[in-house]
Amino acid sequence: MAKVTGIGGTFFKVADPAATRAWYAEHLGMAVDEFGCTFTVSAAQAIWSPFKATTDYFGPGDQPFMLNLTVDDLDALLVDLRAKGVELVGEPLDESYGKFAWIRDCDGYKVELWEAKGAF
C-alpha cells in the first residue's frame, strides 16, 4: 500500500484523538501509537509557509492549518483512498516539483498529499 513518508511535526486539537489516530492508520498507512506517529528520515525537507488569514487554499470555513503529508506513490494511494470512500477535494495537480492531491480526514480537515519530484 502507498503510505505517508514524512512530516515536519504538527500538533492539533480534535474531538476524539483515538478516532483520529485510527483513521490516519487505516486510510494513510501511518504507524500510530497513543501519542500519534513519529517519522524517521535521513534527508528530508519540510516547508514552513504562513498564509493570509483570508486564504481559501485550506478549503471553506475557518480551518487554521493544513497538513501536507509526503507520500511515496500518490496515484496508488488515491486509488486506495477512493476505494475506502475518502472524500477527495478538487483535482490532483502535477507540478514541476511534485504531484498533489487533497482529501478530507475524519475530522473534516483538508489534508494535502504530496509526492515530491527531484531533489525534495
PDB file of N, CA and C in Angstrom:
ATOM      1  N   MET A   1       0.841  -1.183   0.000  1.00  0.00           N
ATOM      2  CA  MET A   1       0.000   0.000   0.000  1.00  0.00           C
ATOM      3  C   MET A   1       0.882   1.242   0.000  1.00  0.00           C
ATOM      4  N   ALA A   2       0.487   2.241  -0.745  1.00  0.00           N
ATOM      5  CA  ALA A   2       1.177   3.528  -0.701  1.00  0.00           C
ATOM      6  C   ALA A   2       1.001   4.119   0.688  1.00  0.00           C
ATOM      7  N   LYS A   3       2.006   4.867   1.134  1.00  0.00           N
ATOM      8  CA  LYS A   3       1.940   5.360   2.510  1.00  0.00           C
ATOM      9  C   LYS A   3       2.568   6.737   2.646  1.00  0.00           C
ATOM     10  N   VAL A   4       2.263   7.395   3.731  1.00  0.00           N
ATOM     11  CA  VAL A   4       2.887   8.663   4.073  1.00  0.00           C
ATOM     12  C   VAL A   4       4.333   8.381   4.460  1.00  0.00           C
ATOM     13  N   THR A   5       5.268   9.235   4.023  1.00  0.00           N
ATOM     14  CA  THR A   5       6.683   9.014   4.326  1.00  0.00           C
ATOM     15  C   THR A   5       7.319  10.119   5.155  1.00  0.00           C
ATOM     16  N   GLY A   6       6.599  11.189   5.449  1.00  0.00           N
ATOM     17  CA  GLY A   6       7.222  12.204   6.281  1.00  0.00           C
ATOM     18  C   GLY A   6       6.360  13.399   6.587  1.00  0.00           C
ATOM     19  N   ILE A   7       6.752  14.092   7.649  1.00  0.00           N
ATOM     20  CA  ILE A   7       6.120  15.347   8.065  1.00  0.00           C
ATOM     21  C   ILE A   7       7.096  16.043   9.011  1.00  0.00           C
ATOM     22  N   GLY A   8       7.067  17.349   9.024  1.00  0.00           N
ATOM     23  CA  GLY A   8       7.969  18.073   9.906  1.00  0.00           C
ATOM     24  C   GLY A   8       7.574  18.006  11.371  1.00  0.00           C
ATOM     25  N   GLY A   9       6.313  17.922  11.664  1.00  0.00           N
ATOM     26  CA  GLY A   9       5.804  17.856  13.031  1.00  0.00           C
ATOM     27  C   GLY A   9       4.608  18.777  13.174  1.00  0.00           C
ATOM     28  N   THR A  10       3.496  18.235  13.574  1.00  0.00           N
ATOM     29  CA  THR A  10       2.270  19.014  13.708  1.00  0.00           C
ATOM     30  C   THR A  10       1.481  18.512  14.893  1.00  0.00           C
ATOM     31  N   PHE A  11       0.957  19.428  15.676  1.00  0.00           N
ATOM     32  CA  PHE A  11       0.125  19.097  16.823  1.00  0.00           C
ATOM     33  C   PHE A  11      -1.170  19.872  16.662  1.00  0.00           C
ATOM     34  N   PHE A  12      -2.300  19.202  16.825  1.00  0.00           N
ATOM     35  CA  PHE A  12      -3.577  19.862  16.606  1.00  0.00           C
ATOM     36  C   PHE A  12      -4.653  19.254  17.482  1.00  0.00           C
ATOM     37  N   LYS A  13      -5.710  20.027  17.701  1.00  0.00           N
ATOM     38  CA  LYS A  13      -6.809  19.598  18.563  1.00  0.00           C
ATOM     39  C   LYS A  13      -7.919  18.954  17.740  1.00  0.00           C
ATOM     40  N   VAL A  14      -8.479  17.860  18.256  1.00  0.00           N
ATOM     41  CA  VAL A  14      -9.641  17.206  17.657  1.00  0.00           C
ATOM     42  C   VAL A  14     -10.557  16.738  18.785  1.00  0.00           C
ATOM     43  N   ALA A  15     -11.790  16.430  18.458  1.00  0.00           N
ATOM     44  CA  ALA A  15     -12.750  15.993  19.474  1.00  0.00           C
ATOM     45  C   ALA A  15     -12.402  14.622  20.041  1.00  0.00           C
ATOM     46  N   ASP A  16     -11.913  13.709  19.194  1.00  0.00           N
ATOM     47  CA  ASP A  16     -11.648  12.330  19.615  1.00  0.00           C
ATOM     48  C   ASP A  16     -10.289  11.884  19.070  1.00  0.00           C
ATOM     49  N   PRO A  17      -9.191  12.151  19.798  1.00  0.00           N
ATOM     50  CA  PRO A  17      -7.857  11.809  19.310  1.00  0.00           C
ATOM     51  C   PRO A  17      -7.696  10.335  18.936  1.00  0.00           C
ATOM     52  N   ALA A  18      -8.287   9.422  19.684  1.00  0.00           N
ATOM     53  CA  ALA A  18      -8.155   7.994  19.372  1.00  0.00           C
ATOM     54  C   ALA A  18      -8.784   7.676  18.019  1.00  0.00           C
ATOM     55  N   ALA A  19      -9.950   8.242  17.741  1.00  0.00           N
ATOM     56  CA  ALA A  19     -10.607   8.010  16.455  1.00  0.00           C
ATOM     57  C   ALA A  19      -9.793   8.613  15.311  1.00  0.00           C
ATOM     58  N   THR A  20      -9.221   9.782  15.534  1.00  0.00           N
ATOM     59  CA  THR A  20      -8.398  10.415  14.506  1.00  0.00           C
ATOM     60  C   THR A  20      -7.148   9.586  14.229  1.00  0.00           C
ATOM     61  N   ARG A  21      -6.475   9.109  15.282  1.00  0.00           N
ATOM     62  CA  ARG A  21      -5.295   8.251  15.077  1.00  0.00           C
ATOM     63  C   ARG A  21      -5.675   7.000  14.293  1.00  0.00           C
ATOM     64  N   ALA A  22      -6.805   6.389  14.621  1.00  0.00           N
ATOM     65  CA  ALA A  22      -7.247   5.174  13.926  1.00  0.00           C
ATOM     66  C   ALA A  22      -7.540   5.460  12.453  1.00  0.00           C
ATOM     67  N   TRP A  23      -8.149   6.599  12.153  1.00  0.00           N
ATOM     68  CA  TRP A  23      -8.466   6.949  10.766  1.00  0.00           C
ATOM     69  C   TRP A  23      -7.187   7.108   9.945  1.00  0.00           C
ATOM     70  N   TYR A  24      -6.206   7.822  10.487  1.00  0.00           N
ATOM     71  CA  TYR A  24      -4.948   8.025   9.762  1.00  0.00           C
ATOM     72  C   TYR A  24      -4.199   6.702   9.577  1.00  0.00           C
ATOM     73  N   ALA A  25      -4.269   5.819  10.537  1.00  0.00           N
ATOM     74  CA  ALA A  25      -3.639   4.498  10.397  1.00  0.00           C
ATOM     75  C   ALA A  25      -4.317   3.708   9.289  1.00  0.00           C
ATOM     76  N   GLU A  26      -5.641   3.674   9.304  1.00  0.00           N
ATOM     77  CA  GLU A  26      -6.383   2.883   8.317  1.00  0.00           C
ATOM     78  C   GLU A  26      -6.294   3.452   6.909  1.00  0.00           C
ATOM     79  N   HIS A  27      -6.441   4.749   6.766  1.00  0.00           N
ATOM     80  CA  HIS A  27      -6.552   5.344   5.441  1.00  0.00           C
ATOM     81  C   HIS A  27      -5.234   5.797   4.826  1.00  0.00           C
ATOM     82  N   LEU A  28      -4.261   6.163   5.660  1.00  0.00           N
ATOM     83  CA  LEU A  28      -3.000   6.669   5.124  1.00  0.00           C
ATOM     84  C   LEU A  28      -1.803   5.798   5.487  1.00  0.00           C
ATOM     85  N   GLY A  29      -2.054   4.676   6.159  1.00  0.00           N
ATOM     86  CA  GLY A  29      -0.975   3.737   6.451  1.00  0.00           C
ATOM     87  C   GLY A  29       0.020   4.219   7.486  1.00  0.00           C
ATOM     88  N   MET A  30      -0.361   5.178   8.314  1.00  0.00           N
ATOM     89  CA  MET A  30       0.552   5.709   9.322  1.00  0.00           C
ATOM     90  C   MET A  30       0.623   4.765  10.511  1.00  0.00           C
ATOM     91  N   ALA A  31       1.836   4.524  10.997  1.00  0.00           N
ATOM     92  CA  ALA A  31       2.063   3.653  12.157  1.00  0.00           C
ATOM     93  C   ALA A  31       1.865   4.486  13.418  1.00  0.00           C
ATOM     94  N   VAL A  32       0.659   4.464  13.965  1.00  0.00           N
ATOM     95  CA  VAL A  32       0.332   5.316  15.105  1.00  0.00           C
ATOM     96  C   VAL A  32       0.437   4.561  16.419  1.00  0.00           C
ATOM     97  N   ASP A  33       0.682   5.321  17.483  1.00  0.00           N
ATOM     98  CA  ASP A  33       0.626   4.791  18.844  1.00  0.00           C
ATOM     99  C   ASP A  33      -0.226   5.764  19.656  1.00  0.00           C
ATOM    100  N   GLU A  34      -0.180   5.681  20.962  1.00  0.00           N
ATOM    101  CA  GLU A  34      -1.043   6.527  21.787  1.00  0.00           C
ATOM    102  C   GLU A  34      -0.733   8.017  21.670  1.00  0.00           C
ATOM    103  N   PHE A  35       0.447   8.366  21.149  1.00  0.00           N
ATOM    104  CA  PHE A  35       0.837   9.767  21.021  1.00  0.00           C
ATOM    105  C   PHE A  35       0.660  10.305  19.607  1.00  0.00           C
ATOM    106  N   GLY A  36       0.546   9.442  18.627  1.00  0.00           N
ATOM    107  CA  GLY A  36       0.456   9.857  17.236  1.00  0.00           C
ATOM    108  C   GLY A  36       1.371   9.006  16.391  1.00  0.00           C
ATOM    109  N   CYS A  37       2.200   9.651  15.584  1.00  0.00           N
ATOM    110  CA  CYS A  37       3.097   8.937  14.676  1.00  0.00           C
ATOM    111  C   CYS A  37       4.417   9.698  14.594  1.00  0.00           C
ATOM    112  N   THR A  38       5.524   8.975  14.670  1.00  0.00           N
ATOM    113  CA  THR A  38       6.852   9.572  14.541  1.00  0.00           C
ATOM    114  C   THR A  38       7.500   9.042  13.277  1.00  0.00           C
ATOM    115  N   PHE A  39       8.036   9.949  12.461  1.00  0.00           N
ATOM    116  CA  PHE A  39       8.730   9.578  11.233  1.00  0.00           C
ATOM    117  C   PHE A  39      10.224   9.772  11.436  1.00  0.00           C
ATOM    118  N   THR A  40      11.023   8.846  10.953  1.00  0.00           N
ATOM    119  CA  THR A  40      12.469   8.986  10.962  1.00  0.00           C
ATOM    120  C   THR A  40      12.935   9.032   9.512  1.00  0.00           C
ATOM    121  N   VAL A  41      13.528  10.150   9.123  1.00  0.00           N
ATOM    122  CA  VAL A  41      14.006  10.325   7.755  1.00  0.00           C
ATOM    123  C   VAL A  41      15.412  10.899   7.799  1.00  0.00           C
ATOM    124  N   SER A  42      16.225  10.543   6.825  1.00  0.00           N
ATOM    125  CA  SER A  42      17.610  10.999   6.840  1.00  0.00           C
ATOM    126  C   SER A  42      17.815  12.284   6.047  1.00  0.00           C
ATOM    127  N   ALA A  43      17.252  12.386   4.881  1.00  0.00           N
ATOM    128  CA  ALA A  43      17.441  13.577   4.053  1.00  0.00           C
ATOM    129  C   ALA A  43      16.072  14.073   3.617  1.00  0.00           C
ATOM    130  N   ALA A  44      15.489  14.939   4.416  1.00  0.00           N
ATOM    131  CA  ALA A  44      14.140  15.407   4.118  1.00  0.00           C
ATOM    132  C   ALA A  44      14.067  16.915   4.228  1.00  0.00           C
ATOM    133  N   GLN A  45      13.060  17.464   3.598  1.00  0.00           N
ATOM    134  CA  GLN A  45      12.788  18.883   3.714  1.00  0.00           C
ATOM    135  C   GLN A  45      11.353  19.050   4.183  1.00  0.00           C
ATOM    136  N   ALA A  46      11.109  20.070   4.946  1.00  0.00           N
ATOM    137  CA  ALA A  46       9.758  20.421   5.355  1.00  0.00           C
ATOM    138  C   ALA A  46       9.537  21.888   5.009  1.00  0.00           C
ATOM    139  N   ILE A  47       8.353  22.195   4.589  1.00  0.00           N
ATOM    140  CA  ILE A  47       8.014  23.560   4.199  1.00  0.00           C
ATOM    141  C   ILE A  47       7.331  24.266   5.361  1.00  0.00           C
ATOM    142  N   TRP A  48       7.753  25.477   5.651  1.00  0.00           N
ATOM    143  CA  TRP A  48       7.082  26.336   6.619  1.00  0.00           C
ATOM    144  C   TRP A  48       6.556  27.513   5.820  1.00  0.00           C
ATOM    145  N   SER A  49       5.242  27.682   5.787  1.00  0.00           N
ATOM    146  CA  SER A  49       4.674  28.694   4.908  1.00  0.00           C
ATOM    147  C   SER A  49       3.423  29.318   5.508  1.00  0.00           C
ATOM    148  N   PRO A  50       3.525  30.526   6.078  1.00  0.00           N
ATOM    149  CA  PRO A  50       2.335  31.196   6.571  1.00  0.00           C
ATOM    150  C   PRO A  50       1.477  31.695   5.401  1.00  0.00           C
ATOM    151  N   PHE A  51       0.178  31.625   5.581  1.00  0.00           N
ATOM    152  CA  PHE A  51      -0.774  32.106   4.581  1.00  0.00           C
ATOM    153  C   PHE A  51      -1.588  33.244   5.182  1.00  0.00           C
ATOM    154  N   LYS A  52      -2.123  34.113   4.331  1.00  0.00           N
ATOM    155  CA  LYS A  52      -3.034  35.158   4.805  1.00  0.00           C
ATOM    156  C   LYS A  52      -4.246  34.500   5.454  1.00  0.00           C
ATOM    157  N   ALA A  53      -4.801  35.144   6.447  1.00  0.00           N
ATOM    158  CA  ALA A  53      -5.979  34.617   7.141  1.00  0.00           C
ATOM    159  C   ALA A  53      -7.165  34.457   6.201  1.00  0.00           C
ATOM    160  N   THR A  54      -7.165  35.161   5.082  1.00  0.00           N
ATOM    161  CA  THR A  54      -8.281  35.114   4.139  1.00  0.00           C
ATOM    162  C   THR A  54      -8.107  34.071   3.040  1.00  0.00           C
ATOM    163  N   THR A  55      -7.048  33.260   3.091  1.00  0.00           N
ATOM    164  CA  THR A  55      -6.812  32.282   2.030  1.00  0.00           C
ATOM    165  C   THR A  55      -7.955  31.279   1.933  1.00  0.00           C
ATOM    166  N   ASP A  56      -8.225  30.823   0.721  1.00  0.00           N
ATOM    167  CA  ASP A  56      -9.188  29.736   0.548  1.00  0.00           C
ATOM    168  C   ASP A  56      -8.466  28.432   0.201  1.00  0.00           C
ATOM    169  N   TYR A  57      -7.136  28.454   0.251  1.00  0.00           N
ATOM    170  CA  TYR A  57      -6.344  27.270  -0.098  1.00  0.00           C
ATOM    171  C   TYR A  57      -6.623  26.098   0.840  1.00  0.00           C
ATOM    172  N   PHE A  58      -6.956  26.384   2.089  1.00  0.00           N
ATOM    173  CA  PHE A  58      -7.229  25.322   3.061  1.00  0.00           C
ATOM    174  C   PHE A  58      -8.653  24.800   2.945  1.00  0.00           C
ATOM    175  N   GLY A  59      -9.448  25.389   2.080  1.00  0.00           N
ATOM    176  CA  GLY A  59     -10.832  24.979   1.913  1.00  0.00           C
ATOM    177  C   GLY A  59     -11.773  25.960   2.587  1.00  0.00           C
ATOM    178  N   PRO A  60     -13.077  25.713   2.449  1.00  0.00           N
ATOM    179  CA  PRO A  60     -14.049  26.617   3.059  1.00  0.00           C
ATOM    180  C   PRO A  60     -14.031  26.508   4.579  1.00  0.00           C
ATOM    181  N   GLY A  61     -14.511  27.529   5.232  1.00  0.00           N
ATOM    182  CA  GLY A  61     -14.560  27.502   6.690  1.00  0.00           C
ATOM    183  C   GLY A  61     -13.356  28.172   7.304  1.00  0.00           C
ATOM    184  N   ASP A  62     -13.157  27.909   8.586  1.00  0.00           N
ATOM    185  CA  ASP A  62     -12.093  28.597   9.317  1.00  0.00           C
ATOM    186  C   ASP A  62     -10.965  27.657   9.724  1.00  0.00           C
ATOM    187  N   GLN A  63     -10.695  26.648   8.915  1.00  0.00           N
ATOM    188  CA  GLN A  63      -9.595  25.721   9.201  1.00  0.00           C
ATOM    189  C   GLN A  63      -8.301  26.525   9.329  1.00  0.00           C
ATOM    190  N   PRO A  64      -7.651  26.528  10.513  1.00  0.00           N
ATOM    191  CA  PRO A  64      -6.492  27.390  10.729  1.00  0.00           C
ATOM    192  C   PRO A  64      -5.166  26.808  10.237  1.00  0.00           C
ATOM    193  N   PHE A  65      -5.162  25.582   9.789  1.00  0.00           N
ATOM    194  CA  PHE A  65      -3.929  24.937   9.340  1.00  0.00           C
ATOM    195  C   PHE A  65      -4.275  23.888   8.294  1.00  0.00           C
ATOM    196  N   MET A  66      -3.260  23.412   7.591  1.00  0.00           N
ATOM    197  CA  MET A  66      -3.447  22.283   6.686  1.00  0.00           C
ATOM    198  C   MET A  66      -2.206  21.408   6.756  1.00  0.00           C
ATOM    199  N   LEU A  67      -2.408  20.126   6.993  1.00  0.00           N
ATOM    200  CA  LEU A  67      -1.297  19.182   6.952  1.00  0.00           C
ATOM    201  C   LEU A  67      -0.887  18.957   5.511  1.00  0.00           C
ATOM    202  N   ASN A  68       0.407  18.901   5.262  1.00  0.00           N
ATOM    203  CA  ASN A  68       0.951  18.483   3.979  1.00  0.00           C
ATOM    204  C   ASN A  68       1.746  17.230   4.284  1.00  0.00           C
ATOM    205  N   LEU A  69       1.273  16.097   3.798  1.00  0.00           N
ATOM    206  CA  LEU A  69       1.927  14.819   4.059  1.00  0.00           C
ATOM    207  C   LEU A  69       2.620  14.334   2.801  1.00  0.00           C
ATOM    208  N   THR A  70       3.888  13.960   2.922  1.00  0.00           N
ATOM    209  CA  THR A  70       4.598  13.417   1.771  1.00  0.00           C
ATOM    210  C   THR A  70       4.238  11.949   1.621  1.00  0.00           C
ATOM    211  N   VAL A  71       4.101  11.515   0.380  1.00  0.00           N
ATOM    212  CA  VAL A  71       3.718  10.134   0.089  1.00  0.00           C
ATOM    213  C   VAL A  71       4.670   9.551  -0.941  1.00  0.00           C
ATOM    214  N   ASP A  72       4.750   8.220  -0.967  1.00  0.00           N
ATOM    215  CA  ASP A  72       5.682   7.579  -1.893  1.00  0.00           C
ATOM    216  C   ASP A  72       5.065   7.252  -3.247  1.00  0.00           C
ATOM    217  N   ASP A  73       3.755   7.159  -3.356  1.00  0.00           N
ATOM    218  CA  ASP A  73       3.086   6.828  -4.618  1.00  0.00           C
ATOM    219  C   ASP A  73       1.680   7.418  -4.573  1.00  0.00           C
ATOM    220  N   LEU A  74       1.547   8.651  -5.001  1.00  0.00           N
ATOM    221  CA  LEU A  74       0.274   9.354  -4.893  1.00  0.00           C
ATOM    222  C   LEU A  74      -0.832   8.654  -5.673  1.00  0.00           C
ATOM    223  N   ASP A  75      -0.548   8.227  -6.892  1.00  0.00           N
ATOM    224  CA  ASP A  75      -1.585   7.593  -7.705  1.00  0.00           C
ATOM    225  C   ASP A  75      -2.139   6.346  -7.030  1.00  0.00           C
ATOM    226  N   ALA A  76      -1.275   5.499  -6.513  1.00  0.00           N
ATOM    227  CA  ALA A  76      -1.722   4.273  -5.836  1.00  0.00           C
ATOM    228  C   ALA A  76      -2.492   4.603  -4.565  1.00  0.00           C
ATOM    229  N   LEU A  77      -2.030   5.604  -3.826  1.00  0.00           N
ATOM    230  CA  LEU A  77      -2.719   5.992  -2.601  1.00  0.00           C
ATOM    231  C   LEU A  77      -4.116   6.517  -2.909  1.00  0.00           C
ATOM    232  N   LEU A  78      -4.262   7.299  -3.973  1.00  0.00           N
ATOM    233  CA  LEU A  78      -5.579   7.828  -4.328  1.00  0.00           C
ATOM    234  C   LEU A  78      -6.545   6.716  -4.714  1.00  0.00           C
ATOM    235  N   VAL A  79      -6.061   5.702  -5.408  1.00  0.00           N
ATOM    236  CA  VAL A  79      -6.909   4.547  -5.736  1.00  0.00           C
ATOM    237  C   VAL A  79      -7.416   3.910  -4.450  1.00  0.00           C
ATOM    238  N   ASP A  80      -6.520   3.706  -3.495  1.00  0.00           N
ATOM    239  CA  ASP A  80      -6.880   3.087  -2.218  1.00  0.00           C
ATOM    240  C   ASP A  80      -7.863   3.967  -1.439  1.00  0.00           C
ATOM    241  N   LEU A  81      -7.599   5.261  -1.391  1.00  0.00           N
ATOM    242  CA  LEU A  81      -8.472   6.167  -0.646  1.00  0.00           C
ATOM    243  C   LEU A  81      -9.868   6.240  -1.260  1.00  0.00           C
ATOM    244  N   ARG A  82      -9.940   6.280  -2.597  1.00  0.00           N
ATOM    245  CA  ARG A  82     -11.253   6.281  -3.260  1.00  0.00           C
ATOM    246  C   ARG A  82     -12.023   5.012  -2.914  1.00  0.00           C
ATOM    247  N   ALA A  83     -11.334   3.874  -2.928  1.00  0.00           N
ATOM    248  CA  ALA A  83     -11.981   2.592  -2.612  1.00  0.00           C
ATOM    249  C   ALA A  83     -12.510   2.571  -1.181  1.00  0.00           C
ATOM    250  N   LYS A  84     -11.860   3.317  -0.295  1.00  0.00           N
ATOM    251  CA  LYS A  84     -12.293   3.373   1.106  1.00  0.00           C
ATOM    252  C   LYS A  84     -13.315   4.478   1.356  1.00  0.00           C
ATOM    253  N   GLY A  85     -13.701   5.189   0.297  1.00  0.00           N
ATOM    254  CA  GLY A  85     -14.723   6.216   0.430  1.00  0.00           C
ATOM    255  C   GLY A  85     -14.242   7.539   0.985  1.00  0.00           C
ATOM    256  N   VAL A  86     -12.934   7.774   0.978  1.00  0.00           N
ATOM    257  CA  VAL A  86     -12.397   9.043   1.476  1.00  0.00           C
ATOM    258  C   VAL A  86     -12.714  10.149   0.471  1.00  0.00           C
ATOM    259  N   GLU A  87     -13.164  11.294   0.974  1.00  0.00           N
ATOM    260  CA  GLU A  87     -13.512  12.424   0.114  1.00  0.00           C
ATOM    261  C   GLU A  87     -12.259  13.078  -0.452  1.00  0.00           C
ATOM    262  N   LEU A  88     -12.175  13.141  -1.785  1.00  0.00           N
ATOM    263  CA  LEU A  88     -11.117  13.890  -2.442  1.00  0.00           C
ATOM    264  C   LEU A  88     -11.624  15.304  -2.685  1.00  0.00           C
ATOM    265  N   VAL A  89     -10.743  16.286  -2.512  1.00  0.00           N
ATOM    266  CA  VAL A  89     -11.099  17.692  -2.670  1.00  0.00           C
ATOM    267  C   VAL A  89     -10.425  18.204  -3.931  1.00  0.00           C
ATOM    268  N   GLY A  90     -11.197  18.597  -4.913  1.00  0.00           N
ATOM    269  CA  GLY A  90     -10.629  19.106  -6.151  1.00  0.00           C
ATOM    270  C   GLY A  90      -9.959  18.010  -6.961  1.00  0.00           C
ATOM    271  N   GLU A  91      -9.171  18.432  -7.928  1.00  0.00           N
ATOM    272  CA  GLU A  91      -8.470  17.514  -8.823  1.00  0.00           C
ATOM    273  C   GLU A  91      -6.981  17.493  -8.487  1.00  0.00           C
ATOM    274  N   PRO A  92      -6.336  16.330  -8.617  1.00  0.00           N
ATOM    275  CA  PRO A  92      -4.888  16.264  -8.406  1.00  0.00           C
ATOM    276  C   PRO A  92      -4.155  17.197  -9.378  1.00  0.00           C
ATOM    277  N   LEU A  93      -3.013  17.693  -8.945  1.00  0.00           N
ATOM    278  CA  LEU A  93      -2.171  18.559  -9.776  1.00  0.00           C
ATOM    279  C   LEU A  93      -0.801  17.928  -9.947  1.00  0.00           C
ATOM    280  N   ASP A  94      -0.220  18.108 -11.121  1.00  0.00           N
ATOM    281  CA  ASP A  94       1.132  17.635 -11.399  1.00  0.00           C
ATOM    282  C   ASP A  94       1.981  18.859 -11.714  1.00  0.00           C
ATOM    283  N   GLU A  95       2.830  19.250 -10.771  1.00  0.00           N
ATOM    284  CA  GLU A  95       3.692  20.420 -10.920  1.00  0.00           C
ATOM    285  C   GLU A  95       5.129  19.962 -11.167  1.00  0.00           C
ATOM    286  N   SER A  96       6.009  20.878 -11.513  1.00  0.00           N
ATOM    287  CA  SER A  96       7.406  20.529 -11.778  1.00  0.00           C
ATOM    288  C   SER A  96       8.099  19.972 -10.538  1.00  0.00           C
ATOM    289  N   TYR A  97       7.641  20.319  -9.357  1.00  0.00           N
ATOM    290  CA  TYR A  97       8.265  19.899  -8.096  1.00  0.00           C
ATOM    291  C   TYR A  97       7.489  18.802  -7.378  1.00  0.00           C
ATOM    292  N   GLY A  98       6.413  18.307  -8.004  1.00  0.00           N
ATOM    293  CA  GLY A  98       5.700  17.195  -7.387  1.00  0.00           C
ATOM    294  C   GLY A  98       4.244  17.108  -7.782  1.00  0.00           C
ATOM    295  N   LYS A  99       3.641  16.004  -7.385  1.00  0.00           N
ATOM    296  CA  LYS A  99       2.218  15.776  -7.615  1.00  0.00           C
ATOM    297  C   LYS A  99       1.476  16.009  -6.303  1.00  0.00           C
ATOM    298  N   PHE A 100       0.287  16.613  -6.398  1.00  0.00           N
ATOM    299  CA  PHE A 100      -0.505  16.977  -5.227  1.00  0.00           C
ATOM    300  C   PHE A 100      -1.937  16.487  -5.364  1.00  0.00           C
ATOM    301  N   ALA A 101      -2.523  16.147  -4.236  1.00  0.00           N
ATOM    302  CA  ALA A 101      -3.952  15.873  -4.151  1.00  0.00           C
ATOM    303  C   ALA A 101      -4.399  16.260  -2.750  1.00  0.00           C
ATOM    304  N   TRP A 102      -5.699  16.452  -2.578  1.00  0.00           N
ATOM    305  CA  TRP A 102      -6.242  16.885  -1.299  1.00  0.00           C
ATOM    306  C   TRP A 102      -7.403  15.986  -0.911  1.00  0.00           C
ATOM    307  N   ILE A 103      -7.487  15.697   0.375  1.00  0.00           N
ATOM    308  CA  ILE A 103      -8.556  14.861   0.911  1.00  0.00           C
ATOM    309  C   ILE A 103      -9.142  15.536   2.147  1.00  0.00           C
ATOM    310  N   ARG A 104     -10.266  15.018   2.628  1.00  0.00           N
ATOM    311  CA  ARG A 104     -10.817  15.408   3.928  1.00  0.00           C
ATOM    312  C   ARG A 104     -10.595  14.246   4.878  1.00  0.00           C
ATOM    313  N   ASP A 105     -10.079  14.545   6.068  1.00  0.00           N
ATOM    314  CA  ASP A 105      -9.897  13.485   7.058  1.00  0.00           C
ATOM    315  C   ASP A 105     -11.191  13.280   7.842  1.00  0.00           C
ATOM    316  N   CYS A 106     -11.152  12.403   8.812  1.00  0.00           N
ATOM    317  CA  CYS A 106     -12.355  12.057   9.579  1.00  0.00           C
ATOM    318  C   CYS A 106     -12.875  13.209  10.423  1.00  0.00           C
ATOM    319  N   ASP A 107     -12.067  14.237  10.638  1.00  0.00           N
ATOM    320  CA  ASP A 107     -12.493  15.407  11.402  1.00  0.00           C
ATOM    321  C   ASP A 107     -12.926  16.553  10.493  1.00  0.00           C
ATOM    322  N   GLY A 108     -12.922  16.313   9.179  1.00  0.00           N
ATOM    323  CA  GLY A 108     -13.336  17.332   8.225  1.00  0.00           C
ATOM    324  C   GLY A 108     -12.232  18.261   7.772  1.00  0.00           C
ATOM    325  N   TYR A 109     -10.994  18.030   8.217  1.00  0.00           N
ATOM    326  CA  TYR A 109      -9.877  18.879   7.808  1.00  0.00           C
ATOM    327  C   TYR A 109      -9.399  18.516   6.408  1.00  0.00           C
ATOM    328  N   LYS A 110      -9.086  19.533   5.626  1.00  0.00           N
ATOM    329  CA  LYS A 110      -8.474  19.327   4.323  1.00  0.00           C
ATOM    330  C   LYS A 110      -7.003  18.998   4.552  1.00  0.00           C
ATOM    331  N   VAL A 111      -6.522  17.921   3.923  1.00  0.00           N
ATOM    332  CA  VAL A 111      -5.142  17.453   4.055  1.00  0.00           C
ATOM    333  C   VAL A 111      -4.534  17.405   2.660  1.00  0.00           C
ATOM    334  N   GLU A 112      -3.334  17.940   2.518  1.00  0.00           N
ATOM    335  CA  GLU A 112      -2.632  17.925   1.239  1.00  0.00           C
ATOM    336  C   GLU A 112      -1.676  16.739   1.202  1.00  0.00           C
ATOM    337  N   LEU A 113      -1.721  15.971   0.117  1.00  0.00           N
ATOM    338  CA  LEU A 113      -0.808  14.850  -0.101  1.00  0.00           C
ATOM    339  C   LEU A 113       0.163  15.259  -1.200  1.00  0.00           C
ATOM    340  N   TRP A 114       1.459  15.008  -0.981  1.00  0.00           N
ATOM    341  CA  TRP A 114       2.487  15.480  -1.909  1.00  0.00           C
ATOM    342  C   TRP A 114       3.480  14.370  -2.201  1.00  0.00           C
ATOM    343  N   GLU A 115       3.600  14.026  -3.484  1.00  0.00           N
ATOM    344  CA  GLU A 115       4.663  13.130  -3.948  1.00  0.00           C
ATOM    345  C   GLU A 115       5.711  14.019  -4.610  1.00  0.00           C
ATOM    346  N   ALA A 116       6.825  14.227  -3.934  1.00  0.00           N
ATOM    347  CA  ALA A 116       7.860  15.152  -4.403  1.00  0.00           C
ATOM    348  C   ALA A 116       8.582  14.600  -5.626  1.00  0.00           C
ATOM    349  N   LYS A 117       9.072  15.527  -6.452  1.00  0.00           N
ATOM    350  CA  LYS A 117       9.915  15.185  -7.599  1.00  0.00           C
ATOM    351  C   LYS A 117      11.281  15.823  -7.383  1.00  0.00           C
ATOM    352  N   GLY A 118      12.282  15.232  -7.953  1.00  0.00           N
ATOM    353  CA  GLY A 118      13.601  15.846  -7.931  1.00  0.00           C
ATOM    354  C   GLY A 118      14.282  15.797  -6.585  1.00  0.00           C
ATOM    355  N   ALA A 119      14.892  16.911  -6.189  1.00  0.00           N
ATOM    356  CA  ALA A 119      15.763  16.964  -5.015  1.00  0.00           C
ATOM    357  C   ALA A 119      15.029  17.113  -3.694  1.00  0.00           C
ATOM    358  N   PHE A 120      13.721  17.119  -3.684  1.00  0.00           N
ATOM    359  CA  PHE A 120      12.991  17.260  -2.419  1.00  0.00           C
ATOM    360  C   PHE A 120      13.074  16.001  -1.613  1.00  0.00           C
TER     361      PHE A 120
END
